[in-house]
């Protein structure tokens, strides 16, 4: 009697697991295309925030190279998007990460024009303190937009620091670490783009998969 009951319960659990697994697989299959579409729209929106779409005529989100360079942060495989117009180089849009935020990594997207000036910068991911360090996010503050039209003269360009350190960038009250980290990371990304601009455009196209960091 006990064995019969155990067998019955086992069969019920097996059937339940099979039905649940089938439902999850079906939902994934039905929503995969929609998720991919939403991810592509989100990426396009981010790219257009840092680089005016009227300045290029190629498919920016699919024209890229994948680079590992310490100037772009401690993680491998950062994506560099290439903007062209009439097949001529216009700008690089660089994904980079600083691990020096108050709460860890801050992910950034910086567009650098062919003359070395910045077209735009946005913070794409962070865990900074709400009300303090989260002012690096454009929805919280316009601070991140102050990078537009600036350039970096050299690695020793003293302007590229927060005012507390003698530079030109405002720090946040009670949260100097966060803007200091962002300023340093953007500076490095610009120096990278300036020095590697031609080489990046000469490189073969890659599969523009999202990076995890």
Protein backbone atom coordinates (compact mmCIF):
# COMPACT_ATOMS: atom_id res chain seq x y z
CA UNK A 1 0.00 0.00 0.00
CA UNK A 2 2.81 2.42 1.00
CA UNK A 3 4.83 1.51 -2.11
CA UNK A 4 1.80 2.07 -4.32
CA UNK A 5 1.23 5.51 -2.76
CA UNK A 6 4.90 6.50 -3.22
CA UNK A 7 4.79 5.43 -6.86
CA UNK A 8 1.63 7.45 -7.41
CA UNK A 9 3.11 10.56 -5.81
CA UNK A 10 6.33 10.12 -7.79
CA UNK A 11 4.37 9.92 -11.02
CA UNK A 12 2.46 13.11 -10.11
CA UNK A 13 5.67 14.99 -9.34
CA UNK A 14 7.29 13.78 -12.57
CA UNK A 15 4.29 14.89 -14.60
CA UNK A 16 4.26 18.28 -12.83
CA UNK A 17 7.98 18.76 -13.55
CA UNK A 18 7.53 17.86 -17.21
CA UNK A 19 4.58 20.24 -17.64
CA UNK A 20 6.44 23.07 -15.85
CA UNK A 21 9.59 22.56 -17.91
CA UNK A 22 7.54 22.52 -21.09
CA UNK A 23 5.76 25.75 -20.15
CA UNK A 24 9.05 27.52 -19.35
CA UNK A 25 10.59 26.36 -22.63
CA UNK A 26 7.52 27.48 -24.56
CA UNK A 27 7.49 30.91 -22.91
CA UNK A 28 11.21 31.36 -23.62
CA UNK A 29 10.69 30.43 -27.27
CA UNK A 30 7.73 32.79 -27.60
CA UNK A 31 9.47 35.75 -25.96
CA UNK A 32 13.06 35.35 -27.26
CA UNK A 33 12.52 37.50 -30.35
CA UNK A 34 10.70 40.17 -28.33
CA UNK A 35 13.50 40.29 -25.74
CA UNK A 36 16.14 40.57 -28.49
CA UNK A 37 14.14 43.37 -30.10
CA UNK A 38 13.88 45.27 -26.81
CA UNK A 39 17.62 44.84 -26.16
CA UNK A 40 18.39 46.21 -29.62
CA UNK A 41 16.11 49.22 -29.06
CA UNK A 42 17.77 49.88 -25.71
CA UNK A 43 21.24 49.73 -27.28
CA UNK A 44 20.19 52.04 -30.12
CA UNK A 45 18.81 54.51 -27.59
CA UNK A 46 22.06 54.48 -25.60
CA UNK A 47 24.16 55.03 -28.74
CA UNK A 48 21.96 57.91 -29.87
CA UNK A 49 22.32 59.56 -26.46
CA UNK A 50 26.09 59.90 -26.87
CA UNK A 51 26.28 60.44 -30.64
CA UNK A 52 23.85 62.40 -32.80
CA UNK A 53 22.48 59.89 -35.36
CA UNK A 54 22.54 62.57 -38.07
CA UNK A 55 26.35 62.46 -37.98
CA UNK A 56 26.61 58.90 -39.33
CA UNK A 57 24.84 56.73 -41.89
CA UNK A 58 26.00 53.20 -41.11
CA UNK A 59 24.36 50.61 -38.85
CA UNK A 60 26.26 51.69 -35.75
CA UNK A 61 25.04 48.91 -33.47
CA UNK A 62 26.44 46.21 -35.79
CA UNK A 63 29.72 47.91 -36.79
CA UNK A 64 32.14 47.17 -33.99
CA UNK A 65 35.31 45.61 -32.72
CA UNK A 66 35.88 43.91 -29.38
CA UNK A 67 38.94 45.07 -27.48
CA UNK A 68 40.77 44.16 -24.29
CA UNK A 69 42.77 47.18 -23.11
CA UNK A 70 43.52 48.25 -19.54
CA UNK A 71 42.59 51.84 -20.41
CA UNK A 72 38.99 50.61 -20.78
CA UNK A 73 38.90 48.99 -17.36
CA UNK A 74 39.91 45.71 -15.74
CA UNK A 75 37.58 43.48 -17.75
CA UNK A 76 38.25 41.91 -21.14
CA UNK A 77 36.24 42.30 -24.31
CA UNK A 78 34.84 45.82 -24.31
CA UNK A 79 32.86 46.79 -27.41
CA UNK A 80 33.92 49.73 -29.58
CA UNK A 81 31.27 50.89 -32.07
CA UNK A 82 32.38 52.63 -35.28
CA UNK A 83 30.37 55.50 -36.76
CA UNK A 84 30.87 56.27 -40.46
CA UNK A 85 29.36 58.67 -42.96
CA UNK A 86 29.80 58.09 -46.69
CA UNK A 87 32.10 55.26 -45.57
CA UNK A 88 34.48 57.68 -43.83
CA UNK A 89 35.29 57.44 -40.10
CA UNK A 90 33.26 59.82 -37.94
CA UNK A 91 33.53 58.64 -34.34
CA UNK A 92 34.19 55.77 -31.98
CA UNK A 93 31.69 54.90 -29.26
CA UNK A 94 33.60 53.18 -26.48
CA UNK A 95 32.19 50.98 -23.74
CA UNK A 96 34.38 51.12 -20.63
CA UNK A 97 34.24 50.36 -16.92
CA UNK A 98 35.78 51.86 -13.82
CA UNK A 99 35.95 49.64 -10.74
CA UNK A 100 36.73 52.70 -8.57
CA UNK A 101 33.20 53.81 -7.81
CA UNK A 102 32.13 54.09 -4.16
CA UNK A 103 30.03 50.94 -4.58
CA UNK A 104 32.09 49.19 -7.23
CA UNK A 105 31.86 49.15 -11.00
CA UNK A 106 30.50 52.05 -13.03
CA UNK A 107 29.82 51.23 -16.68
CA UNK A 108 30.15 54.06 -19.19
CA UNK A 109 29.66 54.82 -22.86
CA UNK A 110 31.83 57.55 -24.40
CA UNK A 111 31.67 58.80 -28.00
CA UNK A 112 34.87 60.36 -29.38
CA UNK A 113 34.89 62.22 -32.70
CA UNK A 114 37.67 61.92 -35.30
CA UNK A 115 39.26 65.16 -34.05
CA UNK A 116 39.52 63.74 -30.52
CA UNK A 117 36.69 65.69 -28.93
CA UNK A 118 33.92 64.07 -26.92
CA UNK A 119 30.48 63.87 -28.52
CA UNK A 120 28.81 62.51 -25.39
CA UNK A 121 29.15 60.38 -22.27
CA UNK A 122 26.53 58.36 -20.40
CA UNK A 123 26.59 56.10 -17.37
CA UNK A 124 24.94 52.85 -18.39
CA UNK A 125 25.16 50.90 -15.12
CA UNK A 126 26.16 51.63 -11.54
CA UNK A 127 25.43 50.82 -7.90
CA UNK A 128 26.30 54.21 -6.42
CA UNK A 129 24.51 55.63 -3.39
CA UNK A 130 21.06 57.05 -4.17
CA UNK A 131 20.97 60.81 -3.63
CA UNK A 132 24.77 61.10 -3.65
CA UNK A 133 26.82 59.15 -6.19
CA UNK A 134 23.90 58.41 -8.49
CA UNK A 135 24.22 61.95 -9.87
CA UNK A 136 26.46 60.40 -12.55
CA UNK A 137 23.20 59.14 -14.05
CA UNK A 138 21.64 61.60 -16.50
CA UNK A 139 18.17 60.97 -15.05
CA UNK A 140 19.40 62.32 -11.69
CA UNK A 141 21.70 65.15 -12.78
CA UNK A 142 23.10 66.84 -15.90
CA UNK A 143 26.67 66.41 -14.57
CA UNK A 144 27.55 63.63 -17.06
CA UNK A 145 26.69 65.96 -19.98
CA UNK A 146 29.50 68.38 -19.02
CA UNK A 147 31.99 66.14 -20.83
CA UNK A 148 30.51 67.00 -24.24
CA UNK A 149 32.87 68.95 -26.56
CA UNK A 150 35.83 68.52 -24.22
CA UNK A 151 39.06 66.82 -25.21
CA UNK A 152 42.15 65.44 -23.49
CA UNK A 153 45.46 67.03 -24.40
CA UNK A 154 47.68 64.33 -22.92
CA UNK A 155 47.91 61.79 -20.13
CA UNK A 156 49.18 64.62 -17.90
CA UNK A 157 46.29 66.95 -18.68
CA UNK A 158 45.73 68.43 -15.21
CA UNK A 159 42.24 69.68 -16.10
CA UNK A 160 40.99 66.09 -16.03
CA UNK A 161 40.29 65.85 -12.32
CA UNK A 162 37.57 67.01 -9.95
CA UNK A 163 37.95 70.53 -8.57
CA UNK A 164 38.92 69.15 -5.16
CA UNK A 165 41.98 67.66 -6.88
CA UNK A 166 42.73 70.82 -8.89
CA UNK A 167 40.80 69.90 -12.04
CA UNK A 168 37.81 71.36 -13.87
CA UNK A 169 35.00 68.95 -12.93
CA UNK A 170 32.54 69.51 -10.11
CA UNK A 171 32.44 66.91 -7.38
CA UNK A 172 29.24 65.99 -5.56
CA UNK A 173 28.66 67.04 -1.98
CA UNK A 174 29.51 64.03 0.15
CA UNK A 175 30.42 61.87 -2.84
CA UNK A 176 33.76 62.82 -4.38
CA UNK A 177 34.84 59.24 -5.05
CA UNK A 178 32.20 58.62 -7.69
CA UNK A 179 32.85 61.64 -9.98
CA UNK A 180 36.59 61.16 -9.51
CA UNK A 181 36.26 57.59 -10.81
CA UNK A 182 34.13 58.64 -13.78
CA UNK A 183 36.46 61.50 -14.77
CA UNK A 184 39.46 59.18 -14.72
CA UNK A 185 37.72 56.49 -16.74
CA UNK A 186 36.42 58.90 -19.39
CA UNK A 187 39.88 60.45 -19.70
CA UNK A 188 41.40 57.01 -20.31
CA UNK A 189 38.71 56.11 -22.83
CA UNK A 190 39.35 59.32 -24.77
CA UNK A 191 43.11 58.74 -24.77
CA UNK A 192 42.45 55.20 -26.01
CA UNK A 193 40.18 56.42 -28.81
CA UNK A 194 42.62 59.14 -29.86
CA UNK A 195 45.59 56.78 -30.07
CA UNK A 196 43.77 53.80 -31.60
CA UNK A 197 41.27 55.59 -33.87
CA UNK A 198 42.74 54.52 -37.21
CA UNK A 199 43.60 51.01 -36.03
CA UNK A 200 40.07 50.42 -34.76
CA UNK A 201 38.57 51.47 -38.10
CA UNK A 202 41.03 49.23 -39.95
CA UNK A 203 40.13 46.17 -37.88
CA UNK A 204 37.68 43.54 -39.20
CA UNK A 205 34.11 43.70 -37.96
CA UNK A 206 33.15 41.58 -34.96
CA UNK A 207 29.94 40.12 -33.64
CA UNK A 208 28.60 42.94 -31.51
CA UNK A 209 27.45 40.79 -28.60
CA UNK A 210 26.88 42.50 -25.28
CA UNK A 211 29.65 42.17 -22.73
CA UNK A 212 28.86 41.11 -19.21
CA UNK A 213 30.80 43.88 -17.46
